[in-house]
Protein backbone atom coordinates (compact mmCIF):
# COMPACT_ATOMS: atom_id res chain seq x y z
CA MET A 1 320.79 261.75 239.98
CA LEU A 2 319.35 258.96 237.25
CA LEU A 3 316.04 257.85 238.35
CA LYS A 4 315.64 254.35 237.61
CA ASP A 5 313.20 251.00 238.43
CA LEU A 6 310.48 253.31 239.66
CA ILE A 7 307.74 251.36 241.17
CA SER A 8 304.01 251.65 239.45
CA PRO A 9 301.68 253.73 242.21
CA THR A 10 298.33 253.24 243.25
CA LEU A 11 296.39 255.86 241.65
CA GLY A 12 293.87 258.45 243.68
CA GLY A 13 292.97 262.38 243.49
CA VAL A 14 294.42 265.55 243.02
CA LEU A 15 295.11 265.56 239.36
CA ASP A 16 292.10 265.74 236.61
CA PRO A 17 292.81 264.59 233.65
CA ALA A 18 290.24 266.74 231.41
CA ARG A 19 292.60 270.07 232.85
CA HIS A 20 296.10 268.48 233.14
CA GLY A 21 296.30 266.07 229.74
CA HIS A 22 299.51 265.56 228.32
CA SER A 23 301.38 268.82 229.57
CA CYS A 24 301.42 268.17 233.15
CA ARG A 25 304.30 266.03 232.28
CA SER A 26 306.39 269.35 231.77
CA ALA A 27 305.49 270.48 235.39
CA LEU A 28 306.90 267.15 236.48
CA VAL A 29 310.03 268.02 234.39
CA LYS A 30 310.18 270.76 235.58
CA ALA A 31 310.10 269.27 238.91
CA LEU A 32 312.50 267.16 238.64
CA GLU A 33 314.76 270.23 237.62
CA ALA A 34 313.96 271.98 240.35
CA ALA A 35 314.45 269.00 242.89
CA GLY A 36 318.02 269.25 242.02
CA VAL A 37 318.00 266.56 239.42
CA ARG A 38 320.68 268.36 237.00
CA GLU A 39 323.85 266.01 237.53
CA LEU A 40 323.73 263.20 235.53
CA SER A 41 325.91 259.98 236.92
CA ARG A 42 325.97 256.77 235.24
CA HIS A 43 326.42 254.81 238.39
CA SER A 44 323.56 256.20 240.56
CA PRO A 45 321.47 254.32 243.11
CA VAL A 46 317.79 252.68 242.51
CA ALA A 47 314.87 254.45 243.78
CA SER A 48 312.08 252.09 244.96
CA LEU A 49 309.31 253.83 246.73
CA PRO A 50 306.14 252.38 248.09
CA ALA A 51 303.08 253.66 246.40
CA LYS A 52 300.86 257.08 247.42
CA ARG A 53 297.92 258.77 246.30
CA VAL A 54 299.48 261.36 244.51
CA ALA A 55 297.89 261.41 241.23
CA SER A 56 295.27 260.60 239.44
CA ARG A 57 294.23 260.01 236.01
CA LEU A 58 297.78 260.92 234.82
CA ALA A 59 298.22 260.12 230.41
CA GLY A 60 300.35 257.34 231.67
CA LEU A 61 302.40 255.39 234.16
CA PRO A 62 305.83 256.82 233.69
CA GLN A 63 303.69 260.55 234.89
CA VAL A 64 302.10 258.91 237.65
CA ALA A 65 306.03 257.12 238.68
CA LEU A 66 306.91 260.60 238.51
CA VAL A 67 305.20 262.17 240.31
CA GLN A 68 305.35 259.90 243.01
CA TRP A 69 309.14 260.48 243.18
CA THR A 70 309.03 264.39 243.23
CA GLU A 71 306.73 264.29 246.30
CA SER A 72 309.15 261.74 248.03
CA VAL A 73 312.35 264.19 247.54
CA GLY A 74 309.81 267.13 248.87
CA LEU A 75 308.97 268.55 245.86
CA THR A 76 304.90 268.74 245.33
CA LEU A 77 303.04 269.49 242.48
CA VAL A 78 299.99 272.05 244.11
CA ARG A 79 298.11 273.24 241.15
CA ARG A 80 298.04 273.22 237.31
CA ASP A 81 295.70 274.56 235.19
CA LEU A 82 296.13 275.65 231.10
CA ALA A 83 297.97 278.43 231.51
CA SER A 84 300.47 277.74 234.66
CA VAL A 85 302.25 275.46 237.09
CA GLN A 86 302.94 275.52 240.97
CA LEU A 87 305.32 273.41 242.82
CA ARG A 88 305.95 273.56 246.76
CA THR A 89 309.60 272.76 247.59
CA PRO A 90 311.22 271.29 250.35
CA SER A 91 311.18 274.42 252.48
CA GLY A 92 307.74 274.85 251.96
CA GLN A 93 308.58 278.03 248.84
CA ILE A 94 306.23 278.03 246.02
CA LEU A 95 307.41 278.40 242.57
CA THR A 96 305.37 279.56 239.90
CA TYR A 97 305.28 279.01 236.01
CA CYS A 98 303.57 280.59 233.41
CA ILE A 99 302.90 277.74 229.94
CA LEU A 100 303.68 279.97 227.25
CA GLN A 101 303.73 276.94 224.37
CA MET A 102 302.48 273.47 224.71
CA PHE A 103 303.50 270.53 221.95
CA PRO A 104 301.26 267.43 222.67
CA PHE A 105 302.91 264.18 221.82
CA THR A 106 302.44 262.21 218.82
CA SER A 107 302.90 258.73 217.64
CA GLU A 108 305.39 260.50 214.48
CA SER A 109 307.78 262.51 216.49
CA LYS A 110 307.77 260.32 219.85
CA ARG A 111 308.12 263.43 221.74
CA MET A 112 306.89 266.23 223.40
CA GLY A 113 307.26 269.90 224.57
CA VAL A 114 306.56 272.61 226.87
CA ILE A 115 307.48 276.38 227.22
CA VAL A 116 307.83 277.57 230.48
CA ARG A 117 308.53 281.38 232.06
CA ASP A 118 309.40 281.51 235.72
CA GLU A 119 307.63 284.17 237.06
CA SER A 120 310.09 285.17 239.79
CA THR A 121 313.29 284.78 237.61
CA ALA A 122 311.69 285.72 234.03
CA GLU A 123 313.21 282.93 232.33
CA ILE A 124 312.05 281.28 229.59
CA THR A 125 313.19 277.54 229.42
CA PHE A 126 312.10 275.00 226.89
CA TYR A 127 311.42 271.41 228.24
CA MET A 128 311.04 268.39 225.78
CA LYS A 129 310.78 264.29 226.65
CA GLY A 130 310.64 261.94 224.25
CA ALA A 131 311.62 258.63 223.04
CA ASP A 132 315.43 257.60 222.99
CA VAL A 133 315.90 257.40 219.40
CA ALA A 134 314.17 260.43 219.23
CA MET A 135 315.80 262.43 221.74
CA SER A 136 319.44 260.93 220.76
CA SER A 137 319.71 263.43 218.23
CA ILE A 138 318.55 266.50 219.90
CA VAL A 139 320.52 266.65 222.87
CA GLN A 140 324.54 267.46 223.16
CA TYR A 141 326.87 264.67 222.98
CA ASN A 142 327.18 262.15 225.47
CA ASP A 143 328.93 259.01 225.79
CA TRP A 144 326.14 256.96 228.17
CA LEU A 145 322.52 257.74 227.03
CA GLU A 146 322.62 254.97 224.60
CA GLU A 147 324.26 252.13 227.10
CA GLU A 148 322.17 253.33 229.70
CA CYS A 149 318.80 252.91 227.69
CA GLY A 150 319.78 249.42 227.02
CA ASN A 151 320.58 248.39 230.46
CA MET A 152 317.56 249.34 231.34
CA ALA A 153 315.27 248.16 228.13
CA ARG A 154 317.20 244.76 228.92
CA GLU A 155 315.78 245.25 232.77
CA GLY A 156 312.11 245.59 231.11
CA LEU A 157 311.86 249.37 232.04
CA ARG A 158 310.31 252.10 229.75
CA THR A 159 312.71 254.46 229.30
CA LEU A 160 312.48 258.36 228.76
CA VAL A 161 314.77 260.94 228.31
CA VAL A 162 314.55 264.56 229.45
CA ALA A 163 315.94 267.18 228.01
CA LYS A 164 315.92 271.43 228.18
CA ARG A 165 317.02 274.87 226.00
CA ALA A 166 317.54 278.00 227.98
CA LEU A 167 315.74 280.91 225.73
CA THR A 168 316.23 284.61 225.72
CA GLU A 169 313.16 286.67 225.45
CA GLU A 170 314.08 287.69 221.73
CA GLN A 171 314.47 283.78 220.92
CA TYR A 172 311.07 283.21 222.09
CA GLN A 173 309.35 286.09 220.35
CA ASP A 174 310.78 285.04 217.35
CA PHE A 175 310.02 281.33 217.65
CA GLU A 176 306.31 282.75 218.67
CA SER A 177 306.12 284.79 215.65
CA ARG A 178 307.04 281.96 213.22
CA TYR A 179 304.94 279.50 215.22
CA SER A 180 301.54 281.71 214.92
CA GLN A 181 302.28 282.53 211.26
CA ALA A 182 303.00 278.49 210.62
CA LYS A 183 299.37 277.86 212.36
CA LEU A 184 297.35 280.13 210.12
CA SER A 185 298.98 278.93 206.97
CA ILE A 186 296.44 277.27 204.16
CA HIS A 187 298.90 274.59 202.84
CA ASP A 188 300.84 272.15 204.90
CA ARG A 189 299.90 273.67 208.00
CA ALA A 190 301.23 270.35 210.29
CA LEU A 191 303.98 270.04 208.40
CA LYS A 192 305.42 274.15 208.93
CA VAL A 193 304.71 274.38 212.22
CA ALA A 194 306.44 271.59 212.66
CA ALA A 195 310.18 272.79 211.02
CA VAL A 196 309.17 275.73 213.04
CA VAL A 197 309.11 272.94 216.63
CA GLU A 198 312.20 271.11 215.64
CA SER A 199 313.82 274.90 215.02
CA LEU A 200 314.56 274.77 218.64
CA GLU A 201 315.02 271.69 219.05
CA ARG A 202 319.28 271.44 218.62
CA GLU A 203 321.71 271.21 221.12
CA MET A 204 319.61 270.82 224.03
CA GLU A 205 320.71 270.01 227.44
CA LEU A 206 320.82 266.48 228.83
CA LEU A 207 318.59 266.67 232.18
CA CYS A 208 318.15 262.15 232.84
CA LEU A 209 317.30 259.54 231.67
CA THR A 210 314.32 257.27 233.71
CA GLY A 211 313.06 253.91 233.61
CA VAL A 212 309.85 253.17 234.36
CA GLU A 213 308.69 249.60 235.41
CA ASP A 214 304.98 248.80 234.64
CA GLN A 215 304.56 245.79 236.22
CA LEU A 216 302.21 242.77 235.17
CA GLN A 217 298.79 242.53 235.94
CA ALA A 218 297.56 239.50 238.30
CA ASP A 219 297.28 236.58 236.67
CA VAL A 220 298.87 237.70 233.25
CA ARG A 221 300.74 234.24 232.86
CA PRO A 222 298.04 231.67 233.44
CA THR A 223 295.83 233.90 230.97
CA LEU A 224 298.28 233.87 228.30
CA GLU A 225 298.68 230.12 228.87
CA MET A 226 295.27 229.34 228.80
CA LEU A 227 294.83 231.42 224.80
CA ARG A 228 297.60 229.11 224.12
CA ASN A 229 296.00 225.79 224.86
CA ALA A 230 292.58 227.61 223.50
CA GLY A 231 294.67 227.41 220.00
CA ILE A 232 294.77 231.14 220.05
CA LYS A 233 297.79 232.78 218.53
CA VAL A 234 299.37 235.86 220.43
CA TRP A 235 301.08 238.51 218.97
CA MET A 236 302.32 241.54 220.63
CA LEU A 237 302.33 244.51 219.33
CA THR A 238 303.85 247.40 221.21
CA GLY A 239 306.10 250.63 220.81
CA ASP A 240 308.53 249.80 223.19
CA LYS A 241 312.38 248.98 222.60
CA LEU A 242 313.38 245.42 221.48
CA GLU A 243 315.04 244.49 224.69
CA THR A 244 312.18 245.74 226.69
CA ALA A 245 309.58 243.85 224.55
CA THR A 246 311.69 241.00 224.43
CA CYS A 247 312.06 241.04 228.25
CA ILE A 248 308.26 241.36 228.81
CA ALA A 249 307.37 238.75 226.39
CA LYS A 250 309.37 236.39 228.37
CA SER A 251 308.49 237.59 231.80
CA SER A 252 304.76 237.37 231.15
CA HIS A 253 305.64 233.38 229.30
CA LEU A 254 304.62 234.63 225.77
CA VAL A 255 307.76 233.61 224.91
CA SER A 256 308.64 230.83 227.14
CA ARG A 257 312.72 230.94 228.48
CA ALA A 258 313.50 227.43 227.11
CA GLN A 259 312.33 228.66 223.76
CA ASP A 260 314.12 229.59 220.96
CA ILE A 261 313.80 233.78 219.56
CA HIS A 262 314.70 234.68 216.08
CA ILE A 263 315.49 238.60 216.59
CA PHE A 264 315.03 239.93 213.06
CA ARG A 265 317.99 242.10 212.16
CA PRO A 266 317.28 245.61 210.97
CA VAL A 267 316.92 245.64 207.02
CA THR A 268 316.78 248.63 204.93
CA SER A 269 316.67 246.80 202.17
CA ARG A 270 315.15 244.80 199.31
CA GLY A 271 318.19 242.28 199.10
CA GLU A 272 318.78 242.06 203.40
CA ALA A 273 315.27 241.25 203.87
CA HIS A 274 315.15 238.89 201.44
CA LEU A 275 318.55 237.39 202.80
CA GLU A 276 316.77 237.92 206.48
CA LEU A 277 313.70 235.84 205.54
CA ASN A 278 315.71 232.94 204.75
CA ALA A 279 317.39 232.90 207.48
CA PHE A 280 313.90 233.01 209.55
CA ARG A 281 312.63 230.20 207.40
CA ARG A 282 315.39 227.71 208.40
CA LYS A 283 314.00 227.87 211.51
CA HIS A 284 311.28 225.79 213.26
CA ASP A 285 309.04 226.30 216.53
CA CYS A 286 310.59 229.80 217.23
CA ALA A 287 309.50 232.88 218.29
CA LEU A 288 310.05 236.10 216.31
CA VAL A 289 311.00 239.42 217.31
CA ILE A 290 311.02 242.31 214.80
CA SER A 291 311.02 245.99 215.20
CA GLY A 292 308.59 248.60 213.01
CA ASP A 293 311.40 249.38 210.67
CA SER A 294 312.38 246.58 209.28
CA LEU A 295 308.92 245.32 209.56
CA GLU A 296 307.82 248.23 207.20
CA VAL A 297 310.73 247.07 204.68
CA CYS A 298 309.85 243.66 204.55
CA LEU A 299 306.28 244.19 204.46
CA LYS A 300 306.85 246.54 201.12
CA TYR A 301 308.63 244.00 199.35
CA TYR A 302 307.85 240.22 200.90
CA GLU A 303 304.19 241.07 202.15
CA HIS A 304 302.60 237.68 202.26
CA GLU A 305 305.94 235.35 202.61
CA LEU A 306 306.37 237.73 206.20
CA VAL A 307 302.48 237.01 207.12
CA GLU A 308 303.11 233.28 206.02
CA LEU A 309 306.16 233.13 207.75
CA ALA A 310 304.56 234.44 211.40
CA CYS A 311 301.74 232.90 211.26
CA GLN A 312 303.36 229.54 211.95
CA CYS A 313 305.43 231.00 214.74
CA PRO A 314 304.21 229.98 218.23
CA ALA A 315 304.16 233.87 219.17
CA VAL A 316 305.28 237.31 217.08
CA VAL A 317 306.73 240.16 218.94
CA CYS A 318 306.46 243.27 217.29
CA CYS A 319 308.25 246.56 218.71
CA ARG A 320 308.91 250.35 218.07
CA CYS A 321 305.19 249.76 216.43
CA SER A 322 303.33 252.97 215.58
CA PRO A 323 299.39 253.03 216.10
CA THR A 324 299.26 252.64 211.82
CA GLN A 325 301.64 249.88 211.93
CA LYS A 326 299.46 248.30 214.46
CA ALA A 327 296.27 248.47 212.79
CA HIS A 328 298.28 247.46 209.47
CA ILE A 329 299.49 244.16 210.47
CA VAL A 330 295.79 243.62 212.10
CA LYS A 331 294.61 243.66 208.61
CA LEU A 332 297.42 241.82 206.84
CA LEU A 333 296.41 238.66 208.85
CA GLN A 334 292.59 239.41 207.88
CA GLN A 335 293.18 239.20 204.48
CA HIS A 336 296.03 237.52 204.23
CA ALA A 337 295.79 234.52 206.69
CA GLY A 338 292.15 234.72 206.81
CA ARG A 339 292.35 234.76 210.49
CA ARG A 340 289.45 236.17 212.71
CA THR A 341 291.47 238.73 214.92
CA CYS A 342 290.97 240.32 218.27
CA ALA A 343 292.47 243.39 219.44
CA ILE A 344 293.50 244.25 223.29
CA GLY A 345 294.78 246.99 224.26
CA ASP A 346 294.48 249.20 226.97
CA GLY A 347 296.18 252.95 225.69
CA GLY A 348 295.55 255.74 223.13
CA ASN A 349 297.90 254.24 220.75
CA ASP A 350 295.60 251.06 220.12
CA VAL A 351 292.44 252.53 219.04
CA SER A 352 293.22 252.48 215.37
CA MET A 353 294.15 248.45 215.86
CA ILE A 354 291.17 247.66 218.38
CA GLN A 355 289.14 249.57 215.49
CA ALA A 356 290.20 247.25 212.49
CA ALA A 357 290.04 243.93 214.18
CA ASP A 358 287.39 241.93 214.23
CA CYS A 359 286.55 241.85 217.89
CA GLY A 360 288.35 244.78 219.86
CA ILE A 361 288.51 244.75 223.70
CA GLY A 362 289.72 247.91 225.71
CA ILE A 363 291.32 247.70 229.40
CA GLU A 364 290.91 250.25 231.63
CA GLY A 365 293.91 251.42 233.16
CA LYS A 366 296.13 253.68 233.71
CA GLU A 367 296.62 254.97 230.18
CA GLY A 368 292.91 255.98 229.97
CA ARG A 369 289.84 254.87 228.89
CA GLN A 370 290.27 255.58 225.18
CA ALA A 371 290.43 252.15 224.53
CA SER A 372 287.66 250.87 226.12
CA LEU A 373 285.53 253.40 224.61
CA ALA A 374 286.36 252.25 220.83
CA ALA A 375 286.35 249.02 221.66
CA ASP A 376 283.38 246.06 221.37
CA PHE A 377 284.13 244.76 224.86
CA SER A 378 285.58 246.84 227.96
CA ILE A 379 286.97 244.95 230.98
CA THR A 380 289.32 246.19 234.00
CA GLN A 381 291.46 243.31 234.00
CA PHE A 382 293.67 241.51 231.05
CA LYS A 383 292.72 238.69 233.25
CA HIS A 384 289.17 238.71 232.39
CA ILE A 385 289.93 238.09 228.84
CA GLY A 386 289.68 234.15 229.72
CA ARG A 387 286.37 234.40 231.27
CA LEU A 388 285.39 236.19 228.48
CA LEU A 389 286.58 233.98 225.37
CA MET A 390 286.50 230.72 227.69
CA VAL A 391 283.09 230.77 228.79
CA HIS A 392 280.83 233.61 227.35
CA GLY A 393 282.83 233.40 224.16
CA ARG A 394 282.07 229.94 223.40
CA SER A 395 278.22 229.88 225.14
CA SER A 396 277.34 232.77 222.83
CA TYR A 397 278.31 230.86 219.62
CA LYS A 398 276.50 227.79 220.55
CA ARG A 399 273.61 229.45 221.45
CA SER A 400 273.60 231.79 218.40
CA ALA A 401 274.19 228.49 216.21
CA ALA A 402 271.29 226.85 217.97
CA LEU A 403 268.98 229.46 217.77
CA GLY A 404 269.40 230.87 214.39
CA GLN A 405 269.16 227.00 212.87
CA PHE A 406 266.01 226.35 215.02
CA VAL A 407 264.70 229.71 213.86
CA MET A 408 264.93 227.85 210.57
CA HIS A 409 263.67 224.93 211.12
CA ARG A 410 260.53 226.49 212.70
CA GLY A 411 260.13 228.44 209.51
CA LEU A 412 260.88 225.92 207.31
CA ILE A 413 258.66 222.96 208.43
CA ILE A 414 255.57 224.78 208.19
CA SER A 415 256.66 225.95 204.64
CA THR A 416 256.95 222.36 204.32
CA MET A 417 253.82 221.53 205.06
CA GLN A 418 252.07 223.92 203.02
CA ALA A 419 253.59 222.52 199.66
CA VAL A 420 252.82 218.96 200.36
CA PHE A 421 248.80 220.56 200.90
CA SER A 422 249.34 222.41 197.88
CA SER A 423 250.87 219.78 196.03
CA VAL A 424 248.30 216.91 196.96
CA PHE A 425 245.39 219.77 195.95
CA TYR A 426 246.77 220.19 192.63
CA PHE A 427 248.77 223.35 194.19
CA ALA A 428 245.95 225.39 194.80
CA SER A 429 246.19 228.72 196.35
CA VAL A 430 244.40 227.93 199.52
CA PRO A 431 246.34 228.68 202.73
CA LEU A 432 246.83 225.66 205.10
CA TYR A 433 246.83 227.88 208.22
CA GLN A 434 245.05 231.21 208.54
CA GLY A 435 244.52 234.38 210.54
CA PHE A 436 245.42 234.06 214.56
CA LEU A 437 246.72 230.55 213.85
CA MET A 438 250.23 231.92 211.77
CA VAL A 439 250.54 234.41 214.70
CA GLY A 440 249.95 232.13 216.94
CA TYR A 441 252.21 229.36 215.74
CA ALA A 442 255.33 232.65 215.37
CA THR A 443 254.83 234.09 218.67
CA LEU A 444 252.67 232.55 221.64
CA TYR A 445 252.92 229.32 220.77
CA THR A 446 256.49 228.62 219.97
CA MET A 447 258.62 231.64 220.68
CA PHE A 448 259.30 230.86 224.51
CA PRO A 449 260.83 227.46 224.22
CA VAL A 450 262.68 228.85 221.63
CA PHE A 451 264.60 232.02 222.60
CA SER A 452 264.95 230.06 225.89
CA LEU A 453 267.72 228.26 224.06
CA VAL A 454 270.20 231.15 225.04
CA LEU A 455 270.19 229.99 227.93
CA ASP A 456 271.33 226.30 227.28
CA GLN A 457 274.76 225.46 228.25
CA ASP A 458 276.54 222.00 227.49
CA VAL A 459 279.44 222.16 230.51
CA LYS A 460 279.39 224.62 233.58
CA PRO A 461 281.44 227.48 233.71
CA ASP A 462 284.23 226.78 235.90
CA MET A 463 284.60 223.65 233.44
CA ALA A 464 285.60 225.57 230.46
CA MET A 465 287.91 227.52 232.19
CA LEU A 466 289.59 224.31 233.21
CA TYR A 467 289.77 223.30 229.75
CA PRO A 468 290.07 226.07 227.29
CA GLU A 469 290.55 223.04 224.63
CA LEU A 470 287.15 223.29 224.35
CA TYR A 471 286.98 226.50 222.95
CA LYS A 472 289.76 224.88 219.71
CA GLU A 473 287.11 223.02 218.74
CA LEU A 474 284.96 226.34 217.89
CA THR A 475 287.55 226.90 215.01
CA LYS A 476 286.51 223.83 213.38
CA GLY A 477 282.71 225.37 212.69
CA ARG A 478 280.89 222.28 213.79
CA SER A 479 277.91 223.77 215.50
CA LEU A 480 277.53 226.08 212.59
CA SER A 481 277.91 224.68 209.08
CA PHE A 482 276.54 223.68 205.79
CA LYS A 483 276.78 220.56 207.06
CA THR A 484 274.34 221.33 210.02
CA PHE A 485 272.53 223.38 207.83
CA LEU A 486 271.30 220.35 205.60
CA VAL A 487 270.99 218.28 208.17
CA TRP A 488 268.65 220.65 210.04
CA VAL A 489 266.83 220.85 206.45
CA LEU A 490 266.43 217.19 206.00
CA ILE A 491 264.87 217.58 209.45
CA SER A 492 262.45 220.08 208.48
CA ILE A 493 261.63 218.48 205.21
CA TYR A 494 260.90 215.01 206.90
CA GLN A 495 258.85 216.55 210.24
CA GLY A 496 256.79 218.67 207.88
CA GLY A 497 255.96 215.85 205.43
CA ILE A 498 255.07 213.27 208.07
CA LEU A 499 253.06 215.83 210.17
CA MET A 500 250.89 216.88 206.66
CA TYR A 501 250.84 213.62 204.94
CA GLY A 502 249.77 211.76 208.56
CA ALA A 503 247.02 214.33 208.60
CA LEU A 504 245.98 213.70 205.34
CA LEU A 505 245.71 209.93 206.31
CA LEU A 506 243.76 209.96 209.94
CA PHE A 507 241.24 212.71 209.66
CA GLU A 508 238.11 211.99 210.06
CA SER A 509 235.63 213.53 207.79
CA GLU A 510 235.85 217.33 207.37
CA PHE A 511 238.96 219.65 206.30
CA VAL A 512 238.70 221.28 209.09
CA HIS A 513 239.88 218.09 210.90
CA VAL A 514 243.28 217.69 209.05
CA VAL A 515 243.83 221.42 210.23
CA ALA A 516 243.07 220.46 213.77
CA ILE A 517 245.22 217.60 214.01
CA SER A 518 248.36 218.87 211.77
CA PHE A 519 248.30 221.81 213.82
CA THR A 520 248.23 220.28 217.30
CA ALA A 521 250.79 218.19 215.86
CA LEU A 522 253.24 220.86 214.99
CA ILE A 523 253.14 222.55 218.38
CA LEU A 524 253.77 219.43 220.32
CA THR A 525 257.08 218.80 217.19
CA GLU A 526 258.17 222.33 217.86
CA LEU A 527 258.30 221.87 222.01
CA LEU A 528 259.38 218.55 221.79
CA MET A 529 262.29 219.92 219.23
CA VAL A 530 263.17 222.45 221.58
CA ALA A 531 263.44 219.61 224.60
CA LEU A 532 265.60 217.22 222.17
CA THR A 533 268.08 220.23 221.68
CA VAL A 534 268.94 221.55 224.99
CA ARG A 535 271.64 219.87 226.62
CA THR A 536 271.60 221.35 230.17
CA TRP A 537 268.03 222.33 231.78
CA HIS A 538 267.07 225.65 232.81
CA TRP A 539 264.23 226.26 235.27
CA LEU A 540 263.42 228.88 232.93
CA MET A 541 263.15 226.41 230.14
CA ALA A 542 260.83 224.06 231.63
CA VAL A 543 258.62 227.41 232.27
CA ALA A 544 258.41 227.89 228.86
CA GLU A 545 257.69 224.79 228.04
CA VAL A 546 254.94 224.39 230.01
CA LEU A 547 253.87 228.21 229.61
CA SER A 548 253.71 227.72 225.97
CA LEU A 549 251.84 224.46 226.01
CA GLY A 550 249.22 225.62 228.28
CA CYS A 551 248.78 228.43 225.92
CA TYR A 552 247.69 226.88 222.80
CA VAL A 553 245.53 224.27 225.03
CA ALA A 554 243.98 227.27 227.09
CA SER A 555 243.44 229.13 223.38
CA LEU A 556 241.33 225.96 222.04
CA ALA A 557 238.27 227.10 223.61
CA PHE A 558 238.62 230.12 221.77
CA LEU A 559 239.90 228.79 218.47
CA ASN A 560 235.64 228.04 217.66
CA GLU A 561 236.61 229.20 213.65
CA TYR A 562 239.63 226.79 212.94
CA PHE A 563 238.74 223.80 215.07
CA ASP A 564 235.71 221.69 215.58
CA VAL A 565 235.68 221.49 219.50
CA ALA A 566 233.67 218.13 219.56
CA PHE A 567 236.07 216.95 217.93
CA ILE A 568 239.35 218.07 219.37
CA THR A 569 237.36 217.10 222.76
CA THR A 570 237.29 212.98 221.45
CA VAL A 571 240.34 210.16 222.52
CA THR A 572 240.24 209.74 218.27
CA PHE A 573 242.04 213.33 218.19
CA VAL A 574 244.38 212.86 220.97
CA TRP A 575 245.73 209.23 219.58
CA LYS A 576 246.13 210.46 216.05
CA VAL A 577 248.22 213.63 216.82
CA SER A 578 250.52 211.59 219.44
CA ALA A 579 250.82 208.76 216.92
CA ILE A 580 251.76 211.51 214.32
CA THR A 581 254.02 213.27 216.79
CA VAL A 582 256.13 210.46 218.31
CA VAL A 583 256.87 209.30 214.18
CA SER A 584 257.67 212.87 213.75
CA CYS A 585 260.26 212.88 216.64
CA LEU A 586 261.42 209.47 217.87
CA PRO A 587 263.90 208.68 215.44
CA LEU A 588 265.64 211.98 215.91
CA TYR A 589 265.24 210.69 219.46
CA VAL A 590 267.03 207.66 218.61
CA LEU A 591 269.84 209.17 216.28
CA LYS A 592 271.00 211.21 219.20
CA TYR A 593 271.60 208.40 221.50
CA LEU A 594 273.11 206.47 219.34
CA LYS A 595 275.23 209.42 217.81
CA ARG A 596 275.90 210.32 221.45
CA LYS A 597 277.00 207.02 222.53
CA LEU A 598 279.60 206.05 219.25
CA SER A 599 280.92 209.35 218.97
CA PRO A 600 280.26 211.49 221.61
CA PRO A 601 281.00 215.67 222.21
CA SER A 602 283.80 216.37 223.59
CA TYR A 603 281.83 218.03 226.75
CA SER A 604 279.87 215.15 226.96
CA LYS A 605 282.86 213.11 228.66
CA LEU A 606 283.76 215.93 230.71
CA THR A 607 279.99 216.04 231.74
CA SER A 608 280.11 212.16 232.51
């Protein structure tokens, strides 16, 4: 019997990952053999089963599918702990197996195994499961394994090869002695342990080949299309076979069916890599598919050339990649291409890649929570990436840019006023504002309106999702650049000079009048500048503006030490403050109006 095309099940609760972990795979393999999955055929029927709540939080998708399949044929996993496995046969008999040794999966070996003893017959058996490239040299000779793996991979199935080897009591005791001695070694412990385990991996009996369909989540295709329209290059880094990766890339529309695909031939030397890179260089607008082994050779000799050519491709698929290679590719894009990288993954093999990227996004799924715990952001569905980037990412960038520049403006304008004041009075070491005026300016009088800028948005979220090209404009860096920095510096110098010189020109007779006029005009200017910066008003913004102005007006009655109360209640004070404020702010409002008329930004075209 050949297991094939098992569908992705819905998970629900029997097995506990904290107790089961990787070793529950071995119980499933044992269940396959106990169910009669012994005779192998190249022309077996396809099993397509409905989802059942038979397993919860297993280590991966194939394990879930296998648990479901074994239950459908009447063999149920009853109990699993660190020392034993219990299975229920269709006749109701309970089979108990004692776990003697477990060999967990590693990205280097690409396989895992377990040694169990049947408590009823005392038979000892070594079971192993792994990728076909790792298992093909371990199992006994056969003439169909490679062909069937290729057929399943072309259908987009994830393949696993299962094998076993019967051990006598003497063989196991000899292995256990050598294995314990290797684990106690001080030098090269990992290599010695691997060598002892490999001594068992010889001429194993091939039990079965499984092919499990890893169905795409909802809205994967439109999400990838949205990312492309936003100017984001998408690379697919996977450990699947080349045929499986190519099939998934086409089914997800990462590579359109009409688009040319250049499959990088396997290379083992510098000369072969050079010829293949030249062949790839002659193609234009072509997606690249390359395996991990060929990638390793090319990066060894032609690292910069490969990265440069790959960055020009509309899509790149790297198959048979180890976790270390995934992280290395991310670092290459950062170093050689100077790109900002975002790594997205849902399994433990993606952790190193996520941590190496500028931004890591983990998806909580059937592969566990390792990726989401190691990432900067955690989501439950791939489709949520669109909203995370197009709406929240775009708004965060624009709001952070506006807030940072405005905080800089708030500090620079008062520094300019102090510089003008000191220059007029022969650089005397006399502060313009003292005591609570400085504290109030930085906190109570201007803090709420400035921080209300985090509520600002230029377009509605639905509009940002509908037009991902708006996100593409962020790559130009127009919201936060040297140009915008210099513009805000010039604005601060202009307004600081107008406020200070205006107050010195219009003050009555005492120095305290200069402080009253300039400080009041400064507060009004800051509030008006916030209003000028806001693109879409939120009710909290209006509350912040009114609250700050009200706090300042109310505090005037308690600032007798700094202000002349009799003077600030006169009409003269009001018109002088108003005149200075208008001169400092009106030109900026006029320039903003003219800019929107002559060169409107993209978002203003959509909102209009």
